[in-house]
Amino acid sequence: MLVFVTSHKGGTGRSVTAANLAYRSALSGRPTCYLDYDFGSPTAGITFQIPEATNGVEGAGPNGGGLHRYLRGEIPAPEQLDVWATSERSSLRQRPTGSGSLVLLPGQRNGSEFGFTNDIAKRCTELFLRLDEEFDLTLVDLSAGRSYASQIALAATANAVLRKVTVRWLVFHRWTPST
């Protein structure tokens, strides 16, 4: 199952909630993946306390890099970090018996937003299909507001090859009471 997590603005709890869902899913024994699709501000490395992925990964060389480099066709696959093995958070370093894998696909450090192309949407579709086959749950943490990340995800999920994949959307809104 692919679950896309988005909000109309930042600060709604989207990323923290997505990380908690990923953690709980893995604890229950399901192989789980978290994609940091917040291209302008990839922060999943901070949430999971993975030093080499703070604000995304550097990804030097022909095979290293985050989702930015993969989607632009610069590398054959994005980096995959085993959260259980790389986190500095003690509760994540002590993988409980029976838990499933917990994998982070980080964004690119200093990668910033980038435009939509059909090639990027095709690579995104291929990635979503592969991850759906490999993991029971894949959480996709999108950028806040209207973004190319959302446009790419929408184009990918509209592709006929993903029709049999279960897709859900969690949309966060910050409510403020009127005075």
Protein backbone atom coordinates (compact mmCIF):
# COMPACT_ATOMS: atom_id res chain seq x y z
CA MET A 1 0.00 0.00 0.00
CA LEU A 2 1.17 3.51 -0.81
CA VAL A 3 0.14 6.26 1.59
CA PHE A 4 0.76 9.87 0.57
CA VAL A 5 0.96 12.41 3.35
CA THR A 6 0.45 16.08 2.51
CA SER A 7 -0.77 19.36 3.95
CA HIS A 8 -1.73 22.80 2.73
CA LYS A 9 1.08 24.36 4.77
CA GLY A 10 4.00 23.39 6.98
CA GLY A 11 3.74 22.76 10.70
CA THR A 12 0.67 20.52 10.62
CA GLY A 13 2.42 17.43 11.98
CA ARG A 14 2.56 15.64 8.63
CA SER A 15 6.16 14.38 8.79
CA VAL A 16 6.11 13.38 12.46
CA THR A 17 2.83 11.51 11.99
CA ALA A 18 4.15 9.75 8.88
CA ALA A 19 7.32 8.74 10.75
CA ASN A 20 5.25 7.40 13.66
CA LEU A 21 3.03 5.42 11.27
CA ALA A 22 6.14 3.95 9.63
CA TYR A 23 7.62 3.03 13.00
CA ARG A 24 4.42 1.39 14.27
CA SER A 25 3.98 -0.51 11.01
CA ALA A 26 7.52 -1.89 11.21
CA LEU A 27 7.05 -2.79 14.89
CA SER A 28 4.03 -4.88 13.93
CA GLY A 29 6.22 -6.96 11.60
CA ARG A 30 5.45 -5.34 8.27
CA PRO A 31 8.29 -4.32 5.94
CA THR A 32 7.90 -0.52 5.81
CA CYS A 33 9.41 2.25 3.71
CA TYR A 34 9.42 6.03 4.21
CA LEU A 35 10.09 8.31 1.22
CA ASP A 36 11.18 11.88 1.95
CA TYR A 37 9.41 13.59 -0.97
CA ASP A 38 9.67 17.03 0.61
CA PHE A 39 12.14 18.13 -2.07
CA GLY A 40 12.60 21.66 -0.78
CA SER A 41 13.26 20.60 2.80
CA PRO A 42 14.05 16.90 3.28
CA THR A 43 14.05 16.38 7.05
CA ALA A 44 13.26 12.70 7.60
CA GLY A 45 16.90 12.14 8.55
CA ILE A 46 16.38 14.52 11.46
CA THR A 47 13.13 12.83 12.51
CA PHE A 48 14.76 9.38 12.49
CA GLN A 49 18.05 10.81 13.88
CA ILE A 50 20.21 9.52 11.04
CA PRO A 51 23.28 11.81 10.91
CA GLU A 52 24.26 11.09 7.29
CA ALA A 53 20.73 11.98 6.14
CA THR A 54 20.23 15.21 8.09
CA ASN A 55 18.49 17.50 5.62
CA GLY A 56 18.93 14.83 2.94
CA VAL A 57 22.00 12.97 1.70
CA GLU A 58 25.00 14.29 -0.22
CA GLY A 59 25.09 11.43 -2.68
CA ALA A 60 28.36 11.94 -4.47
CA GLY A 61 29.39 9.56 -7.22
CA PRO A 62 27.52 7.67 -9.91
CA ASN A 63 25.54 5.46 -7.53
CA GLY A 64 24.96 7.67 -4.51
CA GLY A 65 22.21 10.12 -3.86
CA GLY A 66 18.70 10.79 -2.78
CA LEU A 67 15.37 10.87 -4.51
CA HIS A 68 16.20 14.08 -6.39
CA ARG A 69 19.10 12.49 -8.29
CA TYR A 70 17.12 9.32 -8.96
CA LEU A 71 14.04 11.11 -10.31
CA ARG A 72 16.19 13.29 -12.58
CA GLY A 73 17.78 10.14 -14.00
CA GLU A 74 21.28 10.81 -12.62
CA ILE A 75 21.55 7.52 -10.67
CA PRO A 76 19.97 4.08 -11.20
CA ALA A 77 18.37 3.92 -7.72
CA PRO A 78 18.04 6.19 -4.69
CA GLU A 79 19.91 5.43 -1.49
CA GLN A 80 18.07 3.22 0.97
CA LEU A 81 18.95 3.59 4.63
CA ASP A 82 18.10 0.92 7.19
CA VAL A 83 16.65 3.04 9.99
CA TRP A 84 17.18 0.31 12.59
CA ALA A 85 20.92 0.16 11.79
CA THR A 86 21.70 3.84 11.15
CA SER A 87 19.62 5.81 13.65
CA GLU A 88 21.27 7.37 16.68
CA ARG A 89 17.96 7.26 18.59
CA SER A 90 18.24 4.42 21.11
CA SER A 91 14.62 3.32 20.66
CA LEU A 92 15.28 2.83 16.95
CA ARG A 93 18.68 1.16 17.36
CA GLN A 94 17.20 -1.67 19.38
CA ARG A 95 15.17 -3.41 16.70
CA PRO A 96 12.58 -5.53 18.50
CA THR A 97 12.34 -9.21 17.67
CA GLY A 98 9.66 -9.81 15.06
CA SER A 99 9.68 -6.28 13.68
CA GLY A 100 9.72 -5.66 9.96
CA SER A 101 12.27 -3.66 8.04
CA LEU A 102 12.16 0.12 8.36
CA VAL A 103 13.79 1.79 5.37
CA LEU A 104 14.24 5.49 4.56
CA LEU A 105 14.68 6.78 1.02
CA PRO A 106 16.05 10.26 1.73
CA GLY A 107 15.90 13.42 -0.29
CA GLN A 108 18.96 15.15 -1.67
CA ARG A 109 20.79 17.66 0.53
CA ASN A 110 20.55 21.10 -1.15
CA GLY A 111 18.43 19.49 -3.84
CA SER A 112 15.54 22.00 -3.85
CA GLU A 113 12.31 21.72 -5.81
CA PHE A 114 12.51 20.84 -9.48
CA GLY A 115 10.05 20.88 -12.35
CA PHE A 116 7.77 18.18 -13.65
CA THR A 117 8.64 16.15 -16.76
CA ASN A 118 7.15 12.97 -18.17
CA ASP A 119 10.48 11.20 -17.63
CA ILE A 120 10.43 12.11 -13.94
CA ALA A 121 6.84 10.87 -13.64
CA LYS A 122 7.85 7.61 -15.35
CA ARG A 123 10.75 7.04 -12.94
CA CYS A 124 8.46 7.86 -10.03
CA THR A 125 5.89 5.32 -11.27
CA GLU A 126 8.58 2.65 -11.57
CA LEU A 127 9.82 3.45 -8.06
CA PHE A 128 6.33 3.28 -6.53
CA LEU A 129 5.66 -0.04 -8.27
CA ARG A 130 8.95 -1.54 -7.07
CA LEU A 131 8.44 -0.31 -3.49
CA ASP A 132 4.87 -1.62 -3.40
CA GLU A 133 6.21 -5.07 -4.32
CA GLU A 134 9.00 -4.91 -1.73
CA PHE A 135 7.19 -3.33 1.24
CA ASP A 136 3.79 -3.83 2.86
CA LEU A 137 3.54 -0.10 3.52
CA THR A 138 5.26 2.81 1.81
CA LEU A 139 4.68 6.28 3.26
CA VAL A 140 5.39 9.18 0.92
CA ASP A 141 5.94 12.45 2.83
CA LEU A 142 5.19 15.19 0.29
CA SER A 143 6.08 18.87 0.39
CA ALA A 144 3.54 21.20 1.97
CA GLY A 145 1.18 23.08 -0.33
CA ARG A 146 1.17 22.88 -4.09
CA SER A 147 4.45 21.42 -5.19
CA TYR A 148 6.12 19.56 -8.00
CA ALA A 149 6.42 16.60 -5.61
CA SER A 150 2.62 16.40 -5.42
CA GLN A 151 2.28 16.85 -9.18
CA ILE A 152 4.79 14.05 -9.79
CA ALA A 153 3.02 11.75 -7.30
CA LEU A 154 -0.39 12.44 -8.83
CA ALA A 155 0.90 11.76 -12.35
CA ALA A 156 2.55 8.54 -11.21
CA THR A 157 -0.54 7.21 -9.42
CA ALA A 158 -2.68 7.99 -12.48
CA ASN A 159 -0.52 5.61 -14.54
CA ALA A 160 -2.37 2.42 -15.52
CA VAL A 161 0.41 0.17 -14.15
CA LEU A 162 -0.42 1.35 -10.61
CA ARG A 163 -4.16 0.67 -10.87
CA LYS A 164 -3.93 -2.51 -8.81
CA VAL A 165 -1.87 -0.81 -6.10
CA THR A 166 -3.81 0.39 -3.07
CA VAL A 167 -3.24 4.13 -2.66
CA ARG A 168 -4.42 6.33 0.21
CA TRP A 169 -3.98 10.03 0.97
CA LEU A 170 -3.65 11.62 4.39
CA VAL A 171 -4.27 15.34 4.10
CA PHE A 172 -3.44 17.46 7.14
CA HIS A 173 -5.03 20.82 7.86
CA ARG A 174 -4.16 23.20 10.64
CA TRP A 175 -7.30 24.38 12.28
CA THR A 176 -7.31 27.65 14.13
CA PRO A 177 -10.39 28.70 16.06
CA SER A 178 -12.00 31.96 15.13
CA THR A 179 -12.09 34.63 17.77
